[in-house]
Amino acid sequence: HCQVYSHCHSRMIQLGADEQTLNQFRELKQADVHASTAILKPNASGSTSLKLSWIWAGVTRHILPGADAEPTDADAATILEYKRVHWLRARAQKMRWREEAIMVNYEMEWTVRYFLYKREYWSEASSADGGRISAGANAYTFRKAAMWDDLALYADKLFRN
């Protein structure tokens, strides 16, 4: 069927078919005739990123009088089922992206809170031993507290933009 369609398409071009006709009957590529198993295997790996071929996107049948291949209700039902499955998958993907955006916002907030927690940890480390730590250790704890504070400020500023 693909060879017949491609042959007819090339002949339409040679005959000088108008733009509207050529838009309706596009060039057939291998990806356009790839069989979809979306209904048979709805949870197959990579099936959420599949795009529906232009063939399924509203091409109407124009059958010549007397042709023996009349469209059936089963054909329309099958096409409708493919479109329905494709729409549901696209909707599910949109919902996953929305959920991911929400999670990223929470993760940014959690990161800043963790940095602030570490700042407090190092600020309290100097007084944890009753203030009897060496001057070098005390300077180290202040430096670590300042580092975590700087990270918290930087992350908060970065995440707000």
C-alpha atoms as a PDB file:
ATOM      1  CA  HIS A   1       0.000   0.000   0.000  1.00  0.00           C
ATOM      2  CA  CYS A   2       2.857   2.365   0.784  1.00  0.00           C
ATOM      3  CA  GLN A   3       4.436   1.868  -2.617  1.00  0.00           C
ATOM      4  CA  VAL A   4       1.135   2.517  -4.380  1.00  0.00           C
ATOM      5  CA  TYR A   5       0.537   5.663  -2.332  1.00  0.00           C
ATOM      6  CA  SER A   6       4.089   6.935  -2.949  1.00  0.00           C
ATOM      7  CA  HIS A   7       3.755   6.240  -6.671  1.00  0.00           C
ATOM      8  CA  CYS A   8       0.440   8.125  -6.823  1.00  0.00           C
ATOM      9  CA  HIS A   9       1.896  10.999  -4.794  1.00  0.00           C
ATOM     10  CA  SER A  10       4.819  11.412  -7.177  1.00  0.00           C
ATOM     11  CA  ARG A  11       2.417  11.353 -10.141  1.00  0.00           C
ATOM     12  CA  MET A  12       0.275  14.073  -8.513  1.00  0.00           C
ATOM     13  CA  ILE A  13       3.392  16.238  -8.248  1.00  0.00           C
ATOM     14  CA  GLN A  14       4.259  15.578 -11.902  1.00  0.00           C
ATOM     15  CA  LEU A  15       0.716  16.492 -12.930  1.00  0.00           C
ATOM     16  CA  GLY A  16       1.014  19.784 -11.050  1.00  0.00           C
ATOM     17  CA  ALA A  17      -1.457  19.211  -8.229  1.00  0.00           C
ATOM     18  CA  ASP A  18      -2.399  22.337  -6.307  1.00  0.00           C
ATOM     19  CA  GLU A  19      -0.981  23.163  -2.864  1.00  0.00           C
ATOM     20  CA  GLN A  20      -4.163  22.202  -1.009  1.00  0.00           C
ATOM     21  CA  THR A  21      -4.165  18.722  -2.516  1.00  0.00           C
ATOM     22  CA  LEU A  22      -0.466  18.223  -1.766  1.00  0.00           C
ATOM     23  CA  ASN A  23      -1.015  19.364   1.834  1.00  0.00           C
ATOM     24  CA  GLN A  24      -3.797  16.828   2.224  1.00  0.00           C
ATOM     25  CA  PHE A  25      -1.803  14.023   0.588  1.00  0.00           C
ATOM     26  CA  ARG A  26       1.668  14.534   1.993  1.00  0.00           C
ATOM     27  CA  GLU A  27       4.780  12.594   1.139  1.00  0.00           C
ATOM     28  CA  LEU A  28       4.739   9.287   2.993  1.00  0.00           C
ATOM     29  CA  LYS A  29       7.772   8.624   5.169  1.00  0.00           C
ATOM     30  CA  GLN A  30       8.761   5.498   7.056  1.00  0.00           C
ATOM     31  CA  ALA A  31       7.889   7.111  10.401  1.00  0.00           C
ATOM     32  CA  ASP A  32       4.364   7.854   9.147  1.00  0.00           C
ATOM     33  CA  VAL A  33       3.512   4.198   8.605  1.00  0.00           C
ATOM     34  CA  HIS A  34       5.057   2.874  11.797  1.00  0.00           C
ATOM     35  CA  ALA A  35       2.540   0.593  13.496  1.00  0.00           C
ATOM     36  CA  SER A  36       1.344   1.842  16.869  1.00  0.00           C
ATOM     37  CA  THR A  37       1.032  -0.667  19.701  1.00  0.00           C
ATOM     38  CA  ALA A  38      -0.365   1.925  22.096  1.00  0.00           C
ATOM     39  CA  ILE A  39      -3.584  -0.019  22.560  1.00  0.00           C
ATOM     40  CA  LEU A  40      -1.953  -3.465  22.699  1.00  0.00           C
ATOM     41  CA  LYS A  41       0.862  -2.406  25.054  1.00  0.00           C
ATOM     42  CA  PRO A  42      -0.253   0.786  26.814  1.00  0.00           C
ATOM     43  CA  ASN A  43       2.627   0.728  29.321  1.00  0.00           C
ATOM     44  CA  ALA A  44       5.446  -0.059  26.900  1.00  0.00           C
ATOM     45  CA  SER A  45       8.741   1.705  27.479  1.00  0.00           C
ATOM     46  CA  GLY A  46       8.981   5.012  25.605  1.00  0.00           C
ATOM     47  CA  SER A  47       5.333   4.965  24.604  1.00  0.00           C
ATOM     48  CA  THR A  48       4.605   8.306  26.269  1.00  0.00           C
ATOM     49  CA  SER A  49       6.865  10.156  23.859  1.00  0.00           C
ATOM     50  CA  LEU A  50       5.276   8.760  20.695  1.00  0.00           C
ATOM     51  CA  LYS A  51       3.729  11.271  18.332  1.00  0.00           C
ATOM     52  CA  LEU A  52       0.705  10.453  16.244  1.00  0.00           C
ATOM     53  CA  SER A  53       1.364  10.369  12.506  1.00  0.00           C
ATOM     54  CA  TRP A  54      -0.334  12.902  10.256  1.00  0.00           C
ATOM     55  CA  ILE A  55      -2.238   9.985   8.753  1.00  0.00           C
ATOM     56  CA  TRP A  56      -4.370   9.776  11.902  1.00  0.00           C
ATOM     57  CA  ALA A  57      -4.877  13.531  12.228  1.00  0.00           C
ATOM     58  CA  GLY A  58      -8.133  13.996  10.373  1.00  0.00           C
ATOM     59  CA  VAL A  59      -7.497  12.722   6.867  1.00  0.00           C
ATOM     60  CA  THR A  60     -10.925  12.144   5.362  1.00  0.00           C
ATOM     61  CA  ARG A  61     -11.510   9.317   2.973  1.00  0.00           C
ATOM     62  CA  HIS A  62     -12.598  10.105  -0.537  1.00  0.00           C
ATOM     63  CA  ILE A  63     -13.643   6.815  -2.066  1.00  0.00           C
ATOM     64  CA  LEU A  64     -14.467   6.690  -5.725  1.00  0.00           C
ATOM     65  CA  PRO A  65     -17.941   5.450  -6.626  1.00  0.00           C
ATOM     66  CA  GLY A  66     -17.989   1.728  -7.095  1.00  0.00           C
ATOM     67  CA  ALA A  67     -14.845   1.101  -5.068  1.00  0.00           C
ATOM     68  CA  ASP A  68     -15.042  -2.029  -2.983  1.00  0.00           C
ATOM     69  CA  ALA A  69     -13.214  -0.563   0.041  1.00  0.00           C
ATOM     70  CA  GLU A  70     -15.933   1.391   1.782  1.00  0.00           C
ATOM     71  CA  PRO A  71     -14.966   2.774   5.185  1.00  0.00           C
ATOM     72  CA  THR A  72     -16.567   0.897   8.043  1.00  0.00           C
ATOM     73  CA  ASP A  73     -17.660   1.900  11.508  1.00  0.00           C
ATOM     74  CA  ALA A  74     -14.834  -0.273  12.826  1.00  0.00           C
ATOM     75  CA  ASP A  75     -12.274   1.892  10.979  1.00  0.00           C
ATOM     76  CA  ALA A  76     -13.687   5.061  12.517  1.00  0.00           C
ATOM     77  CA  ALA A  77     -13.812   3.439  15.953  1.00  0.00           C
ATOM     78  CA  THR A  78     -10.198   2.296  15.663  1.00  0.00           C
ATOM     79  CA  ILE A  79      -9.011   5.742  14.611  1.00  0.00           C
ATOM     80  CA  LEU A  80     -11.004   7.294  17.447  1.00  0.00           C
ATOM     81  CA  GLU A  81      -9.436   4.840  19.905  1.00  0.00           C
ATOM     82  CA  TYR A  82      -5.909   5.699  18.697  1.00  0.00           C
ATOM     83  CA  LYS A  83      -6.649   9.412  19.062  1.00  0.00           C
ATOM     84  CA  ARG A  84      -8.148   8.843  22.502  1.00  0.00           C
ATOM     85  CA  VAL A  85      -5.116   6.885  23.720  1.00  0.00           C
ATOM     86  CA  HIS A  86      -2.778   9.520  22.289  1.00  0.00           C
ATOM     87  CA  TRP A  87      -4.731  12.330  23.981  1.00  0.00           C
ATOM     88  CA  LEU A  88      -4.722  10.520  27.345  1.00  0.00           C
ATOM     89  CA  ARG A  89      -0.970   9.973  27.128  1.00  0.00           C
ATOM     90  CA  ALA A  90      -0.354  13.622  26.257  1.00  0.00           C
ATOM     91  CA  ARG A  91      -2.533  14.680  29.196  1.00  0.00           C
ATOM     92  CA  ALA A  92      -0.666  12.349  31.562  1.00  0.00           C
ATOM     93  CA  GLN A  93       2.656  13.745  30.352  1.00  0.00           C
ATOM     94  CA  LYS A  94       1.424  17.305  30.919  1.00  0.00           C
ATOM     95  CA  MET A  95       0.380  16.379  34.458  1.00  0.00           C
ATOM     96  CA  ARG A  96       3.795  14.803  35.152  1.00  0.00           C
ATOM     97  CA  TRP A  97       5.537  17.971  33.931  1.00  0.00           C
ATOM     98  CA  ARG A  98       3.318  20.097  36.180  1.00  0.00           C
ATOM     99  CA  GLU A  99       4.124  17.834  39.145  1.00  0.00           C
ATOM    100  CA  GLU A 100       7.832  18.048  38.322  1.00  0.00           C
ATOM    101  CA  ALA A 101       7.678  21.872  38.314  1.00  0.00           C
ATOM    102  CA  ILE A 102       6.027  21.813  41.747  1.00  0.00           C
ATOM    103  CA  MET A 103       8.672  19.409  43.069  1.00  0.00           C
ATOM    104  CA  VAL A 104      11.529  21.556  41.741  1.00  0.00           C
ATOM    105  CA  ASN A 105      10.152  24.558  43.655  1.00  0.00           C
ATOM    106  CA  TYR A 106      10.013  22.506  46.863  1.00  0.00           C
ATOM    107  CA  GLU A 107      13.523  21.147  46.283  1.00  0.00           C
ATOM    108  CA  MET A 108      14.867  24.683  45.912  1.00  0.00           C
ATOM    109  CA  GLU A 109      13.223  25.646  49.213  1.00  0.00           C
ATOM    110  CA  TRP A 110      14.568  22.518  50.913  1.00  0.00           C
ATOM    111  CA  THR A 111      18.077  23.297  49.673  1.00  0.00           C
ATOM    112  CA  VAL A 112      18.023  26.774  51.228  1.00  0.00           C
ATOM    113  CA  ARG A 113      16.641  25.347  54.487  1.00  0.00           C
ATOM    114  CA  TYR A 114      19.401  22.740  54.578  1.00  0.00           C
ATOM    115  CA  PHE A 115      22.052  25.417  54.113  1.00  0.00           C
ATOM    116  CA  LEU A 116      20.503  27.426  56.967  1.00  0.00           C
ATOM    117  CA  TYR A 117      20.425  24.303  59.138  1.00  0.00           C
ATOM    118  CA  LYS A 118      24.129  23.712  58.486  1.00  0.00           C
ATOM    119  CA  ARG A 119      24.858  27.367  59.306  1.00  0.00           C
ATOM    120  CA  GLU A 120      23.132  26.951  62.678  1.00  0.00           C
ATOM    121  CA  TYR A 121      24.953  23.669  63.261  1.00  0.00           C
ATOM    122  CA  TRP A 122      28.357  25.318  62.827  1.00  0.00           C
ATOM    123  CA  SER A 123      27.317  28.432  64.759  1.00  0.00           C
ATOM    124  CA  GLU A 124      26.356  26.273  67.732  1.00  0.00           C
ATOM    125  CA  ALA A 125      29.474  24.110  67.403  1.00  0.00           C
ATOM    126  CA  SER A 126      31.636  26.838  68.919  1.00  0.00           C
ATOM    127  CA  SER A 127      29.529  26.914  72.087  1.00  0.00           C
ATOM    128  CA  ALA A 128      28.815  23.175  72.261  1.00  0.00           C
ATOM    129  CA  ASP A 129      31.836  22.491  74.457  1.00  0.00           C
ATOM    130  CA  GLY A 130      30.924  25.270  76.860  1.00  0.00           C
ATOM    131  CA  GLY A 131      33.102  27.748  74.995  1.00  0.00           C
ATOM    132  CA  ARG A 132      36.300  25.815  75.891  1.00  0.00           C
ATOM    133  CA  ILE A 133      37.489  25.163  72.346  1.00  0.00           C
ATOM    134  CA  SER A 134      40.697  26.560  70.944  1.00  0.00           C
ATOM    135  CA  ALA A 135      40.792  29.824  69.044  1.00  0.00           C
ATOM    136  CA  GLY A 136      41.663  27.942  65.833  1.00  0.00           C
ATOM    137  CA  ALA A 137      38.705  25.583  66.190  1.00  0.00           C
ATOM    138  CA  ASN A 138      36.457  28.537  67.009  1.00  0.00           C
ATOM    139  CA  ALA A 139      37.644  30.385  63.896  1.00  0.00           C
ATOM    140  CA  TYR A 140      37.012  27.229  61.862  1.00  0.00           C
ATOM    141  CA  THR A 141      33.399  26.955  63.095  1.00  0.00           C
ATOM    142  CA  PHE A 142      32.757  30.635  62.301  1.00  0.00           C
ATOM    143  CA  ARG A 143      34.232  30.195  58.831  1.00  0.00           C
ATOM    144  CA  LYS A 144      32.063  27.116  58.175  1.00  0.00           C
ATOM    145  CA  ALA A 145      28.960  28.945  59.462  1.00  0.00           C
ATOM    146  CA  ALA A 146      29.746  31.887  57.168  1.00  0.00           C
ATOM    147  CA  MET A 147      30.238  29.519  54.226  1.00  0.00           C
ATOM    148  CA  TRP A 148      26.823  27.883  54.756  1.00  0.00           C
ATOM    149  CA  ASP A 149      25.222  31.306  55.224  1.00  0.00           C
ATOM    150  CA  ASP A 150      26.740  32.502  51.945  1.00  0.00           C
ATOM    151  CA  LEU A 151      25.481  29.365  50.191  1.00  0.00           C
ATOM    152  CA  ALA A 152      21.974  29.922  51.590  1.00  0.00           C
ATOM    153  CA  LEU A 153      21.936  33.551  50.450  1.00  0.00           C
ATOM    154  CA  TYR A 154      23.314  32.680  47.011  1.00  0.00           C
ATOM    155  CA  ALA A 155      20.861  29.799  46.502  1.00  0.00           C
ATOM    156  CA  ASP A 156      17.908  31.899  47.662  1.00  0.00           C
ATOM    157  CA  LYS A 157      18.878  34.730  45.322  1.00  0.00           C
ATOM    158  CA  LEU A 158      19.433  32.312  42.421  1.00  0.00           C
ATOM    159  CA  PHE A 159      16.147  30.473  42.974  1.00  0.00           C
ATOM    160  CA  ARG A 160      14.101  33.667  43.200  1.00  0.00           C
ATOM    161  CA  ASN A 161      15.231  34.758  39.694  1.00  0.00           C
END
